[in-house]
Amino acid sequence: MTALAVERPAPAWAGRAIVRAAGRMELHVTVEGVEVPAAAMFTVPVECRPDASSAPGVRPWAGPVDERRLCAACMRALRGEPEPEQVQLATSGTVMVPPPEPGPEGRGRHLRVIPDLPTYTAPSLPTEHDGRPIRWSEWGAAPYSSACDWCGAHGPCVLAGGRQGNPLAKDNPLRWFVAHRCSYCQQTRVYEQAGTAKLKPIAHFQPESPRSARA
């Protein structure tokens, strides 16, 4: 009796480098032909962001690759699948909701008006620090939820990563930054990564929302 060899199809990311998003465990697939630097943190074009000018901060990844951990947008780009349709939210200023059912003495139901929650404008991130420009990534949902110390909103908050310097220039060292913003009141704090686990505050944007507005 002879054993039959079953050939498994190569995964969609075969031949591509796999990197981990900085500060998160999500794995990205680099674009074809990209060489991964040996630096601890770097930016390279990935399938979900192929433009080098907006590429996210990533770290090398040498562990196992499971499709469930790969960035969904990277997988859609590899397979040529369209982006999912965005849910359109109503922009009405008020919402009409019915009150509780009336008792036996009630003579009908009436609608009452509940105004929408106020919205606040997100501040702009600093474009430079110590006289050198900062390049920021897009805002993304944080991998954790914590209550805002100003308005009390439970999140999730959003994060953005920033970078200064050039890994190939000896006189322009790399410096890394992170910005943390409340999704409701837009309070924003900006930090410089001064070490492996140390963050140095460099900017704070006070929100216009009343204190404890969502507590």
C-alpha atoms as a PDB file:
ATOM      1  CA  MET A   1       0.000   0.000   0.000  1.00  0.00           C
ATOM      2  CA  THR A   2       1.429   3.392  -0.958  1.00  0.00           C
ATOM      3  CA  ALA A   3       0.694   6.669   0.762  1.00  0.00           C
ATOM      4  CA  LEU A   4      -0.794   9.445  -1.317  1.00  0.00           C
ATOM      5  CA  ALA A   5       0.937  12.838  -1.014  1.00  0.00           C
ATOM      6  CA  VAL A   6      -1.604  15.605  -0.555  1.00  0.00           C
ATOM      7  CA  GLU A   7      -0.350  18.966  -1.722  1.00  0.00           C
ATOM      8  CA  ARG A   8      -1.697  21.893   0.243  1.00  0.00           C
ATOM      9  CA  PRO A   9      -2.210  25.133  -1.657  1.00  0.00           C
ATOM     10  CA  ALA A  10       0.269  27.872  -0.773  1.00  0.00           C
ATOM     11  CA  PRO A  11      -1.253  30.589   1.435  1.00  0.00           C
ATOM     12  CA  ALA A  12      -2.060  33.950  -0.145  1.00  0.00           C
ATOM     13  CA  TRP A  13       0.857  35.556   1.711  1.00  0.00           C
ATOM     14  CA  ALA A  14       3.467  33.024   0.569  1.00  0.00           C
ATOM     15  CA  GLY A  15       6.762  34.737  -0.239  1.00  0.00           C
ATOM     16  CA  ARG A  16       5.819  37.943   1.620  1.00  0.00           C
ATOM     17  CA  ALA A  17       7.310  39.156   4.893  1.00  0.00           C
ATOM     18  CA  ILE A  18       5.006  39.210   7.929  1.00  0.00           C
ATOM     19  CA  VAL A  19       5.362  42.069  10.445  1.00  0.00           C
ATOM     20  CA  ARG A  20       3.568  42.984  13.683  1.00  0.00           C
ATOM     21  CA  ALA A  21       1.881  46.348  14.178  1.00  0.00           C
ATOM     22  CA  ALA A  22       3.740  48.448  16.743  1.00  0.00           C
ATOM     23  CA  GLY A  23       1.960  48.349  20.096  1.00  0.00           C
ATOM     24  CA  ARG A  24      -0.522  45.689  18.920  1.00  0.00           C
ATOM     25  CA  MET A  25      -0.474  41.989  18.098  1.00  0.00           C
ATOM     26  CA  GLU A  26      -2.133  42.383  14.670  1.00  0.00           C
ATOM     27  CA  LEU A  27       0.016  40.979  11.858  1.00  0.00           C
ATOM     28  CA  HIS A  28       0.427  42.727   8.500  1.00  0.00           C
ATOM     29  CA  VAL A  29       1.616  41.403   5.123  1.00  0.00           C
ATOM     30  CA  THR A  30       4.263  43.527   3.381  1.00  0.00           C
ATOM     31  CA  VAL A  31       3.923  44.366  -0.292  1.00  0.00           C
ATOM     32  CA  GLU A  32       5.783  42.194  -2.786  1.00  0.00           C
ATOM     33  CA  GLY A  33       9.537  42.708  -2.946  1.00  0.00           C
ATOM     34  CA  VAL A  34       9.882  44.645   0.334  1.00  0.00           C
ATOM     35  CA  GLU A  35      12.969  43.853   2.422  1.00  0.00           C
ATOM     36  CA  VAL A  36      12.410  43.953   6.171  1.00  0.00           C
ATOM     37  CA  PRO A  37      15.035  46.041   8.026  1.00  0.00           C
ATOM     38  CA  ALA A  38      16.780  44.679  11.098  1.00  0.00           C
ATOM     39  CA  ALA A  39      15.681  47.669  13.214  1.00  0.00           C
ATOM     40  CA  ALA A  40      13.521  47.069  16.282  1.00  0.00           C
ATOM     41  CA  MET A  41      10.772  49.281  14.815  1.00  0.00           C
ATOM     42  CA  PHE A  42      10.393  50.605  11.279  1.00  0.00           C
ATOM     43  CA  THR A  43       7.891  51.558   8.599  1.00  0.00           C
ATOM     44  CA  VAL A  44       7.435  49.513   5.441  1.00  0.00           C
ATOM     45  CA  PRO A  45       4.581  49.441   2.894  1.00  0.00           C
ATOM     46  CA  VAL A  46       2.035  46.746   3.724  1.00  0.00           C
ATOM     47  CA  GLU A  47      -0.873  45.463   1.674  1.00  0.00           C
ATOM     48  CA  CYS A  48      -3.469  47.552   3.535  1.00  0.00           C
ATOM     49  CA  ARG A  49      -1.286  50.692   3.258  1.00  0.00           C
ATOM     50  CA  PRO A  50       0.967  50.319   0.211  1.00  0.00           C
ATOM     51  CA  ASP A  51       1.956  54.013   0.175  1.00  0.00           C
ATOM     52  CA  ALA A  52       5.343  54.321   1.914  1.00  0.00           C
ATOM     53  CA  SER A  53       4.487  57.839   3.160  1.00  0.00           C
ATOM     54  CA  SER A  54       1.575  56.519   5.252  1.00  0.00           C
ATOM     55  CA  ALA A  55       2.957  53.072   6.128  1.00  0.00           C
ATOM     56  CA  PRO A  56       2.379  52.084   9.784  1.00  0.00           C
ATOM     57  CA  GLY A  57       5.045  51.497  12.404  1.00  0.00           C
ATOM     58  CA  VAL A  58       5.781  47.774  12.666  1.00  0.00           C
ATOM     59  CA  ARG A  59       8.165  45.310  14.305  1.00  0.00           C
ATOM     60  CA  PRO A  60       9.755  42.136  12.919  1.00  0.00           C
ATOM     61  CA  TRP A  61       7.740  38.932  13.372  1.00  0.00           C
ATOM     62  CA  ALA A  62       9.327  35.483  13.379  1.00  0.00           C
ATOM     63  CA  GLY A  63       6.539  33.517  15.031  1.00  0.00           C
ATOM     64  CA  PRO A  64       3.814  31.319  13.531  1.00  0.00           C
ATOM     65  CA  VAL A  65       1.370  32.913  11.085  1.00  0.00           C
ATOM     66  CA  ASP A  66      -2.329  32.210  11.503  1.00  0.00           C
ATOM     67  CA  GLU A  67      -4.777  33.781   9.055  1.00  0.00           C
ATOM     68  CA  ARG A  68      -7.055  34.685  11.948  1.00  0.00           C
ATOM     69  CA  ARG A  69      -4.351  37.041  13.271  1.00  0.00           C
ATOM     70  CA  LEU A  70      -3.583  38.647   9.920  1.00  0.00           C
ATOM     71  CA  CYS A  71      -4.940  42.119   9.137  1.00  0.00           C
ATOM     72  CA  ALA A  72      -8.310  41.683   7.380  1.00  0.00           C
ATOM     73  CA  ALA A  73      -7.596  44.607   5.037  1.00  0.00           C
ATOM     74  CA  CYS A  74      -4.254  43.026   4.014  1.00  0.00           C
ATOM     75  CA  MET A  75      -6.021  39.748   3.206  1.00  0.00           C
ATOM     76  CA  ARG A  76      -8.693  41.510   1.145  1.00  0.00           C
ATOM     77  CA  ALA A  77      -5.972  43.307  -0.846  1.00  0.00           C
ATOM     78  CA  LEU A  78      -4.092  40.036  -1.471  1.00  0.00           C
ATOM     79  CA  ARG A  79      -7.267  38.323  -2.692  1.00  0.00           C
ATOM     80  CA  GLY A  80      -8.503  41.282  -4.709  1.00  0.00           C
ATOM     81  CA  GLU A  81     -11.694  41.521  -2.688  1.00  0.00           C
ATOM     82  CA  PRO A  82     -13.615  44.825  -2.430  1.00  0.00           C
ATOM     83  CA  GLU A  83     -13.757  46.863   0.748  1.00  0.00           C
ATOM     84  CA  PRO A  84     -16.857  46.192   2.896  1.00  0.00           C
ATOM     85  CA  GLU A  85     -19.670  48.703   2.580  1.00  0.00           C
ATOM     86  CA  GLN A  86     -19.646  51.407   5.242  1.00  0.00           C
ATOM     87  CA  VAL A  87     -22.767  51.779   7.369  1.00  0.00           C
ATOM     88  CA  GLN A  88     -24.319  55.198   6.795  1.00  0.00           C
ATOM     89  CA  LEU A  89     -25.324  56.875  10.046  1.00  0.00           C
ATOM     90  CA  ALA A  90     -28.256  59.272  10.220  1.00  0.00           C
ATOM     91  CA  THR A  91     -27.271  62.901  10.835  1.00  0.00           C
ATOM     92  CA  SER A  92     -30.604  64.057  12.205  1.00  0.00           C
ATOM     93  CA  GLY A  93     -30.407  66.524  15.073  1.00  0.00           C
ATOM     94  CA  THR A  94     -33.141  64.859  17.122  1.00  0.00           C
ATOM     95  CA  VAL A  95     -34.533  61.388  17.672  1.00  0.00           C
ATOM     96  CA  MET A  96     -38.224  60.720  18.181  1.00  0.00           C
ATOM     97  CA  VAL A  97     -38.933  57.899  20.636  1.00  0.00           C
ATOM     98  CA  PRO A  98     -42.235  56.783  22.192  1.00  0.00           C
ATOM     99  CA  PRO A  99     -42.715  57.045  25.970  1.00  0.00           C
ATOM    100  CA  PRO A 100     -43.747  54.014  28.077  1.00  0.00           C
ATOM    101  CA  GLU A 101     -47.167  52.547  27.544  1.00  0.00           C
ATOM    102  CA  PRO A 102     -49.803  54.719  29.317  1.00  0.00           C
ATOM    103  CA  GLY A 103     -51.816  53.344  32.176  1.00  0.00           C
ATOM    104  CA  PRO A 104     -55.551  52.722  32.106  1.00  0.00           C
ATOM    105  CA  GLU A 105     -56.148  56.439  32.643  1.00  0.00           C
ATOM    106  CA  GLY A 106     -54.040  57.423  29.646  1.00  0.00           C
ATOM    107  CA  ARG A 107     -55.756  58.653  26.520  1.00  0.00           C
ATOM    108  CA  GLY A 108     -53.057  57.989  23.926  1.00  0.00           C
ATOM    109  CA  ARG A 109     -49.350  58.041  23.250  1.00  0.00           C
ATOM    110  CA  HIS A 110     -47.196  61.096  22.547  1.00  0.00           C
ATOM    111  CA  LEU A 111     -43.727  61.380  21.110  1.00  0.00           C
ATOM    112  CA  ARG A 112     -41.028  63.125  23.095  1.00  0.00           C
ATOM    113  CA  VAL A 113     -37.858  64.624  21.641  1.00  0.00           C
ATOM    114  CA  ILE A 114     -34.420  63.439  22.810  1.00  0.00           C
ATOM    115  CA  PRO A 115     -31.548  65.585  21.443  1.00  0.00           C
ATOM    116  CA  ASP A 116     -28.411  63.939  20.075  1.00  0.00           C
ATOM    117  CA  LEU A 117     -25.286  63.938  22.225  1.00  0.00           C
ATOM    118  CA  PRO A 118     -23.011  66.901  21.429  1.00  0.00           C
ATOM    119  CA  THR A 119     -19.952  66.262  19.273  1.00  0.00           C
ATOM    120  CA  TYR A 120     -16.511  67.776  19.772  1.00  0.00           C
ATOM    121  CA  THR A 121     -13.768  68.510  17.242  1.00  0.00           C
ATOM    122  CA  ALA A 122     -10.576  66.452  17.459  1.00  0.00           C
ATOM    123  CA  PRO A 123      -7.423  68.598  17.865  1.00  0.00           C
ATOM    124  CA  SER A 124      -4.564  68.543  15.384  1.00  0.00           C
ATOM    125  CA  LEU A 125      -1.457  66.604  16.395  1.00  0.00           C
ATOM    126  CA  PRO A 126       1.863  68.480  16.700  1.00  0.00           C
ATOM    127  CA  THR A 127       3.711  68.533  13.395  1.00  0.00           C
ATOM    128  CA  GLU A 128       7.149  68.913  15.016  1.00  0.00           C
ATOM    129  CA  HIS A 129       9.053  68.454  18.274  1.00  0.00           C
ATOM    130  CA  ASP A 130      12.442  69.927  19.226  1.00  0.00           C
ATOM    131  CA  GLY A 131      12.567  71.596  15.823  1.00  0.00           C
ATOM    132  CA  ARG A 132      12.199  68.377  13.847  1.00  0.00           C
ATOM    133  CA  PRO A 133       9.045  67.271  11.967  1.00  0.00           C
ATOM    134  CA  ILE A 134       6.896  64.358  13.153  1.00  0.00           C
ATOM    135  CA  ARG A 135       5.167  62.039  10.691  1.00  0.00           C
ATOM    136  CA  TRP A 136       1.973  60.538  12.122  1.00  0.00           C
ATOM    137  CA  SER A 137       0.061  57.396  11.216  1.00  0.00           C
ATOM    138  CA  GLU A 138      -3.721  57.359  10.894  1.00  0.00           C
ATOM    139  CA  TRP A 139      -5.861  57.085  14.026  1.00  0.00           C
ATOM    140  CA  GLY A 140      -6.863  53.542  14.938  1.00  0.00           C
ATOM    141  CA  ALA A 141      -8.900  51.892  17.695  1.00  0.00           C
ATOM    142  CA  ALA A 142      -6.864  51.074  20.804  1.00  0.00           C
ATOM    143  CA  PRO A 143      -6.591  47.376  21.772  1.00  0.00           C
ATOM    144  CA  TYR A 144      -7.923  48.191  25.243  1.00  0.00           C
ATOM    145  CA  SER A 145     -10.772  50.178  26.839  1.00  0.00           C
ATOM    146  CA  SER A 146     -10.311  52.544  29.750  1.00  0.00           C
ATOM    147  CA  ALA A 147     -12.503  55.338  31.100  1.00  0.00           C
ATOM    148  CA  CYS A 148     -11.500  58.889  30.137  1.00  0.00           C
ATOM    149  CA  ASP A 149     -10.278  60.781  33.216  1.00  0.00           C
ATOM    150  CA  TRP A 150     -12.074  63.943  32.017  1.00  0.00           C
ATOM    151  CA  CYS A 151     -15.518  63.028  30.641  1.00  0.00           C
ATOM    152  CA  GLY A 152     -15.791  59.465  31.984  1.00  0.00           C
ATOM    153  CA  ALA A 153     -16.476  57.830  28.583  1.00  0.00           C
ATOM    154  CA  HIS A 154     -15.580  54.129  28.658  1.00  0.00           C
ATOM    155  CA  GLY A 155     -14.065  54.072  25.173  1.00  0.00           C
ATOM    156  CA  PRO A 156     -12.596  52.543  23.244  1.00  0.00           C
ATOM    157  CA  CYS A 157     -10.113  55.363  22.766  1.00  0.00           C
ATOM    158  CA  VAL A 158      -8.038  55.836  19.592  1.00  0.00           C
ATOM    159  CA  LEU A 159      -4.271  55.853  19.108  1.00  0.00           C
ATOM    160  CA  ALA A 160      -1.835  57.225  16.522  1.00  0.00           C
ATOM    161  CA  GLY A 161       1.903  56.628  16.183  1.00  0.00           C
ATOM    162  CA  GLY A 162       4.502  59.209  15.187  1.00  0.00           C
ATOM    163  CA  ARG A 163       8.089  59.036  13.983  1.00  0.00           C
ATOM    164  CA  GLN A 164      11.062  61.351  13.616  1.00  0.00           C
ATOM    165  CA  GLY A 165      14.381  60.702  11.969  1.00  0.00           C
ATOM    166  CA  ASN A 166      15.852  58.413   9.371  1.00  0.00           C
ATOM    167  CA  PRO A 167      17.201  54.926  10.218  1.00  0.00           C
ATOM    168  CA  LEU A 168      19.829  55.326   7.498  1.00  0.00           C
ATOM    169  CA  ALA A 169      21.169  58.706   8.698  1.00  0.00           C
ATOM    170  CA  LYS A 170      23.605  58.733  11.636  1.00  0.00           C
ATOM    171  CA  ASP A 171      22.951  62.413  12.389  1.00  0.00           C
ATOM    172  CA  ASN A 172      19.142  62.019  12.365  1.00  0.00           C
ATOM    173  CA  PRO A 173      18.265  59.280  14.899  1.00  0.00           C
ATOM    174  CA  LEU A 174      14.842  57.692  15.110  1.00  0.00           C
ATOM    175  CA  ARG A 175      12.434  58.934  17.785  1.00  0.00           C
ATOM    176  CA  TRP A 176       8.967  57.501  18.362  1.00  0.00           C
ATOM    177  CA  PHE A 177       5.752  59.122  19.606  1.00  0.00           C
ATOM    178  CA  VAL A 178       2.254  57.990  20.511  1.00  0.00           C
ATOM    179  CA  ALA A 179      -0.973  60.012  20.771  1.00  0.00           C
ATOM    180  CA  HIS A 180      -3.982  58.934  22.865  1.00  0.00           C
ATOM    181  CA  ARG A 181      -7.432  60.501  22.195  1.00  0.00           C
ATOM    182  CA  CYS A 182     -10.825  60.043  23.856  1.00  0.00           C
ATOM    183  CA  SER A 183     -13.444  59.126  21.252  1.00  0.00           C
ATOM    184  CA  TYR A 184     -16.104  61.303  22.904  1.00  0.00           C
ATOM    185  CA  CYS A 185     -14.639  64.517  24.380  1.00  0.00           C
ATOM    186  CA  GLN A 186     -11.494  64.370  22.158  1.00  0.00           C
ATOM    187  CA  GLN A 187      -9.093  64.959  25.049  1.00  0.00           C
ATOM    188  CA  THR A 188      -5.679  64.174  23.562  1.00  0.00           C
ATOM    189  CA  ARG A 189      -2.324  63.446  25.151  1.00  0.00           C
ATOM    190  CA  VAL A 190       0.899  63.091  23.163  1.00  0.00           C
ATOM    191  CA  TYR A 191       3.960  61.229  24.441  1.00  0.00           C
ATOM    192  CA  GLU A 192       7.520  60.591  23.304  1.00  0.00           C
ATOM    193  CA  GLN A 193       8.760  57.024  23.794  1.00  0.00           C
ATOM    194  CA  ALA A 194      11.770  57.664  26.008  1.00  0.00           C
ATOM    195  CA  GLY A 195      12.530  53.982  26.623  1.00  0.00           C
ATOM    196  CA  THR A 196      11.163  50.481  26.294  1.00  0.00           C
ATOM    197  CA  ALA A 197       8.236  51.153  28.635  1.00  0.00           C
ATOM    198  CA  LYS A 198       8.595  54.858  29.478  1.00  0.00           C
ATOM    199  CA  LEU A 199       6.460  57.592  27.935  1.00  0.00           C
ATOM    200  CA  LYS A 200       7.400  61.284  28.249  1.00  0.00           C
ATOM    201  CA  PRO A 201       4.423  63.702  27.906  1.00  0.00           C
ATOM    202  CA  ILE A 202       5.011  66.446  25.329  1.00  0.00           C
ATOM    203  CA  ALA A 203       1.492  67.817  24.632  1.00  0.00           C
ATOM    204  CA  HIS A 204      -1.998  67.860  26.151  1.00  0.00           C
ATOM    205  CA  PHE A 205      -5.167  69.160  24.489  1.00  0.00           C
ATOM    206  CA  GLN A 206      -7.900  70.090  26.990  1.00  0.00           C
ATOM    207  CA  PRO A 207     -11.396  69.172  25.707  1.00  0.00           C
ATOM    208  CA  GLU A 208     -14.381  71.528  25.466  1.00  0.00           C
ATOM    209  CA  SER A 209     -16.697  68.916  26.980  1.00  0.00           C
ATOM    210  CA  PRO A 210     -17.928  69.555  30.547  1.00  0.00           C
ATOM    211  CA  ARG A 211     -16.148  67.447  33.128  1.00  0.00           C
ATOM    212  CA  SER A 212     -17.823  64.081  33.861  1.00  0.00           C
ATOM    213  CA  ALA A 213     -20.182  64.590  30.888  1.00  0.00           C
ATOM    214  CA  ARG A 214     -20.311  60.822  30.239  1.00  0.00           C
ATOM    215  CA  ALA A 215     -19.593  59.547  33.748  1.00  0.00           C
END
